């Protein structure tokens, strides 16, 4: 049994999509949701689905091994970042080599790095008059958005598209592909 921890900082729409995708799966289980934001709606989504959750502070994450202890206690062998905004500390990367993946709302290496998340990315795509955008699912290393790319999917961008239009197109790709790529990655 693959036991997944999802880390999220916000509303948790991707997390819920993943939870629903694996609900009946006998080989993959979403075991726990971690968040660094006590007000994140992802916590309510975890409660609604009967999934354990753990809220931690920035000092807990970077200056203690509490998060790692909880991962071990829950026999987690794979971590999915779904709208998680903190840089993953080296101790977690070392504990889970090529077992932490992230989804980014752009075609990396474009529009990656610190501060490039959510609407910041979509605004930059529109301002630079890009003709396409998309998603990148990648392994996590010690730099923002620098890990090896697992999968990318593209969507066309019109000159008349707003950042909100781009966000809608990118979200559709996230919901369509993220759970299936998680499943494929775990079966490799």
C-alpha atoms as a PDB file:
ATOM      1  CA  UNK A   1       0.000   0.000   0.000  1.00  0.00           C
ATOM      2  CA  UNK A   2       1.322   3.421  -1.003  1.00  0.00           C
ATOM      3  CA  UNK A   3       0.475   5.962   1.676  1.00  0.00           C
ATOM      4  CA  UNK A   4       0.458   9.552   0.465  1.00  0.00           C
ATOM      5  CA  UNK A   5       0.710  12.777   2.440  1.00  0.00           C
ATOM      6  CA  UNK A   6      -0.571  15.883   0.686  1.00  0.00           C
ATOM      7  CA  UNK A   7       0.915  19.250   1.645  1.00  0.00           C
ATOM      8  CA  UNK A   8      -1.265  22.277   0.819  1.00  0.00           C
ATOM      9  CA  UNK A   9      -1.403  25.928   1.884  1.00  0.00           C
ATOM     10  CA  UNK A  10      -4.750  27.077   0.489  1.00  0.00           C
ATOM     11  CA  UNK A  11      -8.232  26.028  -0.505  1.00  0.00           C
ATOM     12  CA  UNK A  12      -7.281  22.479  -1.442  1.00  0.00           C
ATOM     13  CA  UNK A  13      -9.162  21.979  -4.711  1.00  0.00           C
ATOM     14  CA  UNK A  14      -6.314  19.912  -6.151  1.00  0.00           C
ATOM     15  CA  UNK A  15      -6.023  17.972  -2.890  1.00  0.00           C
ATOM     16  CA  UNK A  16      -9.733  17.144  -2.965  1.00  0.00           C
ATOM     17  CA  UNK A  17      -9.516  16.096  -6.610  1.00  0.00           C
ATOM     18  CA  UNK A  18      -6.678  13.711  -5.686  1.00  0.00           C
ATOM     19  CA  UNK A  19      -8.588  12.401  -2.657  1.00  0.00           C
ATOM     20  CA  UNK A  20     -11.634  11.643  -4.814  1.00  0.00           C
ATOM     21  CA  UNK A  21      -9.521   9.997  -7.519  1.00  0.00           C
ATOM     22  CA  UNK A  22      -7.926   7.529  -5.077  1.00  0.00           C
ATOM     23  CA  UNK A  23     -10.964   6.966  -2.838  1.00  0.00           C
ATOM     24  CA  UNK A  24     -11.611   3.415  -4.097  1.00  0.00           C
ATOM     25  CA  UNK A  25      -7.992   2.545  -4.907  1.00  0.00           C
ATOM     26  CA  UNK A  26      -6.714  -0.515  -3.024  1.00  0.00           C
ATOM     27  CA  UNK A  27      -3.015   0.261  -3.638  1.00  0.00           C
ATOM     28  CA  UNK A  28      -2.872   4.015  -2.991  1.00  0.00           C
ATOM     29  CA  UNK A  29      -4.254   5.839   0.036  1.00  0.00           C
ATOM     30  CA  UNK A  30      -4.337   9.521   0.901  1.00  0.00           C
ATOM     31  CA  UNK A  31      -3.413   9.164   4.572  1.00  0.00           C
ATOM     32  CA  UNK A  32      -2.874  12.689   5.882  1.00  0.00           C
ATOM     33  CA  UNK A  33      -3.062  16.338   4.861  1.00  0.00           C
ATOM     34  CA  UNK A  34      -0.392  18.754   6.114  1.00  0.00           C
ATOM     35  CA  UNK A  35      -0.802  22.519   6.054  1.00  0.00           C
ATOM     36  CA  UNK A  36       1.247  25.461   7.206  1.00  0.00           C
ATOM     37  CA  UNK A  37      -1.911  27.609   7.241  1.00  0.00           C
ATOM     38  CA  UNK A  38      -4.413  27.012  10.053  1.00  0.00           C
ATOM     39  CA  UNK A  39      -7.079  28.903   8.069  1.00  0.00           C
ATOM     40  CA  UNK A  40      -6.601  26.942   4.839  1.00  0.00           C
ATOM     41  CA  UNK A  41      -9.828  25.417   3.556  1.00  0.00           C
ATOM     42  CA  UNK A  42      -7.890  22.241   2.722  1.00  0.00           C
ATOM     43  CA  UNK A  43      -8.228  21.380   6.446  1.00  0.00           C
ATOM     44  CA  UNK A  44     -12.024  21.380   6.148  1.00  0.00           C
ATOM     45  CA  UNK A  45     -11.753  19.236   3.007  1.00  0.00           C
ATOM     46  CA  UNK A  46      -9.642  16.714   4.966  1.00  0.00           C
ATOM     47  CA  UNK A  47     -12.247  16.652   7.759  1.00  0.00           C
ATOM     48  CA  UNK A  48     -15.069  16.229   5.226  1.00  0.00           C
ATOM     49  CA  UNK A  49     -13.316  13.159   3.793  1.00  0.00           C
ATOM     50  CA  UNK A  50     -12.340  11.684   7.158  1.00  0.00           C
ATOM     51  CA  UNK A  51      -8.628  12.171   6.488  1.00  0.00           C
ATOM     52  CA  UNK A  52      -6.191  13.055   9.255  1.00  0.00           C
ATOM     53  CA  UNK A  53      -4.652  16.492   9.123  1.00  0.00           C
ATOM     54  CA  UNK A  54      -1.748  18.230  10.777  1.00  0.00           C
ATOM     55  CA  UNK A  55      -1.150  21.975  10.952  1.00  0.00           C
ATOM     56  CA  UNK A  56       2.404  23.143  11.540  1.00  0.00           C
ATOM     57  CA  UNK A  57       4.228  26.436  11.901  1.00  0.00           C
ATOM     58  CA  UNK A  58       7.179  27.604   9.890  1.00  0.00           C
ATOM     59  CA  UNK A  59       9.553  26.977  12.870  1.00  0.00           C
ATOM     60  CA  UNK A  60       8.082  23.447  13.254  1.00  0.00           C
ATOM     61  CA  UNK A  61       8.874  22.804   9.601  1.00  0.00           C
ATOM     62  CA  UNK A  62      12.386  24.218   9.454  1.00  0.00           C
ATOM     63  CA  UNK A  63      13.708  23.939  13.009  1.00  0.00           C
ATOM     64  CA  UNK A  64      12.359  20.618  14.275  1.00  0.00           C
ATOM     65  CA  UNK A  65      11.757  17.090  13.071  1.00  0.00           C
ATOM     66  CA  UNK A  66       8.089  17.049  14.113  1.00  0.00           C
ATOM     67  CA  UNK A  67       6.768  16.909  10.534  1.00  0.00           C
ATOM     68  CA  UNK A  68       9.148  14.052   9.751  1.00  0.00           C
ATOM     69  CA  UNK A  69       8.053  12.199  12.915  1.00  0.00           C
ATOM     70  CA  UNK A  70       4.398  12.435  11.869  1.00  0.00           C
ATOM     71  CA  UNK A  71       5.220  11.245   8.348  1.00  0.00           C
ATOM     72  CA  UNK A  72       7.027   8.235   9.835  1.00  0.00           C
ATOM     73  CA  UNK A  73       4.246   7.525  12.370  1.00  0.00           C
ATOM     74  CA  UNK A  74       1.777   7.373   9.465  1.00  0.00           C
ATOM     75  CA  UNK A  75       4.067   5.181   7.307  1.00  0.00           C
ATOM     76  CA  UNK A  76       4.054   7.755   4.513  1.00  0.00           C
ATOM     77  CA  UNK A  77       6.131   6.720   1.523  1.00  0.00           C
ATOM     78  CA  UNK A  78       5.174   9.476  -0.965  1.00  0.00           C
ATOM     79  CA  UNK A  79       4.489  13.221  -0.665  1.00  0.00           C
ATOM     80  CA  UNK A  80       2.405  15.349  -3.019  1.00  0.00           C
ATOM     81  CA  UNK A  81       2.608  19.143  -2.938  1.00  0.00           C
ATOM     82  CA  UNK A  82      -0.711  20.601  -4.084  1.00  0.00           C
ATOM     83  CA  UNK A  83      -0.562  24.362  -3.734  1.00  0.00           C
ATOM     84  CA  UNK A  84       2.053  24.290  -0.996  1.00  0.00           C
ATOM     85  CA  UNK A  85       4.071  27.497  -0.816  1.00  0.00           C
ATOM     86  CA  UNK A  86       7.029  26.752   1.472  1.00  0.00           C
ATOM     87  CA  UNK A  87      10.378  25.488   0.226  1.00  0.00           C
ATOM     88  CA  UNK A  88      10.834  21.855   1.259  1.00  0.00           C
ATOM     89  CA  UNK A  89      13.688  21.503   3.778  1.00  0.00           C
ATOM     90  CA  UNK A  90      16.658  19.359   2.901  1.00  0.00           C
ATOM     91  CA  UNK A  91      15.963  16.810   5.666  1.00  0.00           C
ATOM     92  CA  UNK A  92      12.655  15.886   3.964  1.00  0.00           C
ATOM     93  CA  UNK A  93      14.244  15.695   0.521  1.00  0.00           C
ATOM     94  CA  UNK A  94      16.920  13.387   1.942  1.00  0.00           C
ATOM     95  CA  UNK A  95      14.312  11.207   3.669  1.00  0.00           C
ATOM     96  CA  UNK A  96      12.123  11.016   0.525  1.00  0.00           C
ATOM     97  CA  UNK A  97      14.466  11.065  -2.501  1.00  0.00           C
ATOM     98  CA  UNK A  98      12.370  11.216  -5.700  1.00  0.00           C
ATOM     99  CA  UNK A  99       9.301  10.614  -3.526  1.00  0.00           C
ATOM    100  CA  UNK A 100       8.090  14.222  -3.363  1.00  0.00           C
ATOM    101  CA  UNK A 101       6.320  15.744  -6.350  1.00  0.00           C
ATOM    102  CA  UNK A 102       4.863  19.164  -7.020  1.00  0.00           C
ATOM    103  CA  UNK A 103       2.537  20.680  -9.584  1.00  0.00           C
ATOM    104  CA  UNK A 104       3.382  24.096 -10.998  1.00  0.00           C
ATOM    105  CA  UNK A 105       0.868  26.224 -12.950  1.00  0.00           C
ATOM    106  CA  UNK A 106       3.187  26.989 -15.870  1.00  0.00           C
ATOM    107  CA  UNK A 107       5.499  25.299 -18.332  1.00  0.00           C
ATOM    108  CA  UNK A 108       8.761  25.205 -16.419  1.00  0.00           C
ATOM    109  CA  UNK A 109      11.436  26.426 -16.641  1.00  0.00           C
ATOM    110  CA  UNK A 110       9.372  29.524 -17.513  1.00  0.00           C
ATOM    111  CA  UNK A 111       7.612  31.308 -14.645  1.00  0.00           C
ATOM    112  CA  UNK A 112       9.111  29.265 -11.835  1.00  0.00           C
ATOM    113  CA  UNK A 113      10.922  30.201  -8.658  1.00  0.00           C
ATOM    114  CA  UNK A 114      10.198  31.998  -5.404  1.00  0.00           C
ATOM    115  CA  UNK A 115       7.000  34.020  -5.505  1.00  0.00           C
ATOM    116  CA  UNK A 116       5.815  32.422  -8.741  1.00  0.00           C
ATOM    117  CA  UNK A 117       2.582  30.716  -7.749  1.00  0.00           C
ATOM    118  CA  UNK A 118      -1.128  31.067  -8.490  1.00  0.00           C
ATOM    119  CA  UNK A 119      -2.236  34.324 -10.046  1.00  0.00           C
ATOM    120  CA  UNK A 120       1.326  35.706 -10.001  1.00  0.00           C
ATOM    121  CA  UNK A 121       2.176  33.127 -12.669  1.00  0.00           C
ATOM    122  CA  UNK A 122      -0.953  33.728 -14.752  1.00  0.00           C
ATOM    123  CA  UNK A 123      -0.472  37.526 -14.682  1.00  0.00           C
ATOM    124  CA  UNK A 124       3.120  37.116 -15.874  1.00  0.00           C
ATOM    125  CA  UNK A 125       1.997  34.770 -18.692  1.00  0.00           C
ATOM    126  CA  UNK A 126      -0.570  37.344 -19.898  1.00  0.00           C
ATOM    127  CA  UNK A 127       1.783  40.336 -19.502  1.00  0.00           C
ATOM    128  CA  UNK A 128       4.419  38.571 -21.602  1.00  0.00           C
ATOM    129  CA  UNK A 129       1.852  37.770 -24.313  1.00  0.00           C
ATOM    130  CA  UNK A 130       2.554  34.034 -24.206  1.00  0.00           C
ATOM    131  CA  UNK A 131       0.654  31.919 -26.728  1.00  0.00           C
ATOM    132  CA  UNK A 132       0.552  28.892 -24.448  1.00  0.00           C
ATOM    133  CA  UNK A 133       0.776  27.948 -20.808  1.00  0.00           C
ATOM    134  CA  UNK A 134       0.066  24.769 -18.887  1.00  0.00           C
ATOM    135  CA  UNK A 135       1.195  22.626 -15.997  1.00  0.00           C
ATOM    136  CA  UNK A 136       4.425  20.991 -14.955  1.00  0.00           C
ATOM    137  CA  UNK A 137       4.564  18.073 -12.549  1.00  0.00           C
ATOM    138  CA  UNK A 138       8.081  17.640 -11.216  1.00  0.00           C
ATOM    139  CA  UNK A 139      10.165  16.041  -8.503  1.00  0.00           C
ATOM    140  CA  UNK A 140      11.065  18.355  -5.651  1.00  0.00           C
ATOM    141  CA  UNK A 141      14.636  19.273  -4.837  1.00  0.00           C
ATOM    142  CA  UNK A 142      16.110  21.983  -2.622  1.00  0.00           C
ATOM    143  CA  UNK A 143      15.343  24.813  -5.087  1.00  0.00           C
ATOM    144  CA  UNK A 144      11.902  26.171  -6.023  1.00  0.00           C
ATOM    145  CA  UNK A 145      10.649  24.526  -9.243  1.00  0.00           C
ATOM    146  CA  UNK A 146      14.045  23.109 -10.239  1.00  0.00           C
ATOM    147  CA  UNK A 147      13.460  19.365  -9.872  1.00  0.00           C
ATOM    148  CA  UNK A 148      13.373  16.934 -12.783  1.00  0.00           C
ATOM    149  CA  UNK A 149      10.223  17.252 -14.867  1.00  0.00           C
ATOM    150  CA  UNK A 150       7.892  14.244 -14.859  1.00  0.00           C
ATOM    151  CA  UNK A 151       5.094  15.593 -17.082  1.00  0.00           C
ATOM    152  CA  UNK A 152       3.852  18.717 -18.838  1.00  0.00           C
ATOM    153  CA  UNK A 153       0.529  19.552 -20.486  1.00  0.00           C
ATOM    154  CA  UNK A 154      -0.179  22.681 -22.535  1.00  0.00           C
ATOM    155  CA  UNK A 155      -3.139  24.914 -23.246  1.00  0.00           C
ATOM    156  CA  UNK A 156      -3.409  27.719 -25.816  1.00  0.00           C
ATOM    157  CA  UNK A 157      -3.566  31.309 -24.612  1.00  0.00           C
ATOM    158  CA  UNK A 158      -5.368  33.987 -26.633  1.00  0.00           C
ATOM    159  CA  UNK A 159      -4.263  37.605 -26.646  1.00  0.00           C
ATOM    160  CA  UNK A 160      -7.679  38.466 -25.197  1.00  0.00           C
ATOM    161  CA  UNK A 161      -7.323  36.048 -22.249  1.00  0.00           C
ATOM    162  CA  UNK A 162      -7.187  37.543 -18.775  1.00  0.00           C
ATOM    163  CA  UNK A 163      -5.129  36.013 -15.950  1.00  0.00           C
ATOM    164  CA  UNK A 164      -8.416  34.540 -14.677  1.00  0.00           C
ATOM    165  CA  UNK A 165      -9.022  32.900 -18.078  1.00  0.00           C
ATOM    166  CA  UNK A 166      -5.526  31.404 -17.983  1.00  0.00           C
ATOM    167  CA  UNK A 167      -6.102  30.188 -14.410  1.00  0.00           C
ATOM    168  CA  UNK A 168      -9.297  28.398 -15.478  1.00  0.00           C
ATOM    169  CA  UNK A 169      -7.527  26.630 -18.369  1.00  0.00           C
ATOM    170  CA  UNK A 170      -4.592  25.631 -16.153  1.00  0.00           C
ATOM    171  CA  UNK A 171      -6.893  24.349 -13.372  1.00  0.00           C
ATOM    172  CA  UNK A 172      -8.647  22.106 -15.894  1.00  0.00           C
ATOM    173  CA  UNK A 173      -5.268  20.581 -16.802  1.00  0.00           C
ATOM    174  CA  UNK A 174      -4.372  20.153 -13.131  1.00  0.00           C
ATOM    175  CA  UNK A 175      -7.598  18.322 -12.341  1.00  0.00           C
ATOM    176  CA  UNK A 176      -7.331  16.142 -15.440  1.00  0.00           C
ATOM    177  CA  UNK A 177      -3.690  15.083 -15.157  1.00  0.00           C
ATOM    178  CA  UNK A 178      -2.343  15.404 -11.602  1.00  0.00           C
ATOM    179  CA  UNK A 179      -4.025  12.292 -10.096  1.00  0.00           C
ATOM    180  CA  UNK A 180      -3.172  10.074 -13.094  1.00  0.00           C
ATOM    181  CA  UNK A 181       0.466  11.202 -13.090  1.00  0.00           C
ATOM    182  CA  UNK A 182       0.679  10.488  -9.337  1.00  0.00           C
ATOM    183  CA  UNK A 183      -0.657   6.993 -10.018  1.00  0.00           C
ATOM    184  CA  UNK A 184       1.792   6.413 -12.900  1.00  0.00           C
ATOM    185  CA  UNK A 185       4.728   7.722 -10.863  1.00  0.00           C
ATOM    186  CA  UNK A 186       3.897   5.335  -8.009  1.00  0.00           C
ATOM    187  CA  UNK A 187       3.652   2.371 -10.351  1.00  0.00           C
ATOM    188  CA  UNK A 188       7.138   2.962 -11.827  1.00  0.00           C
END
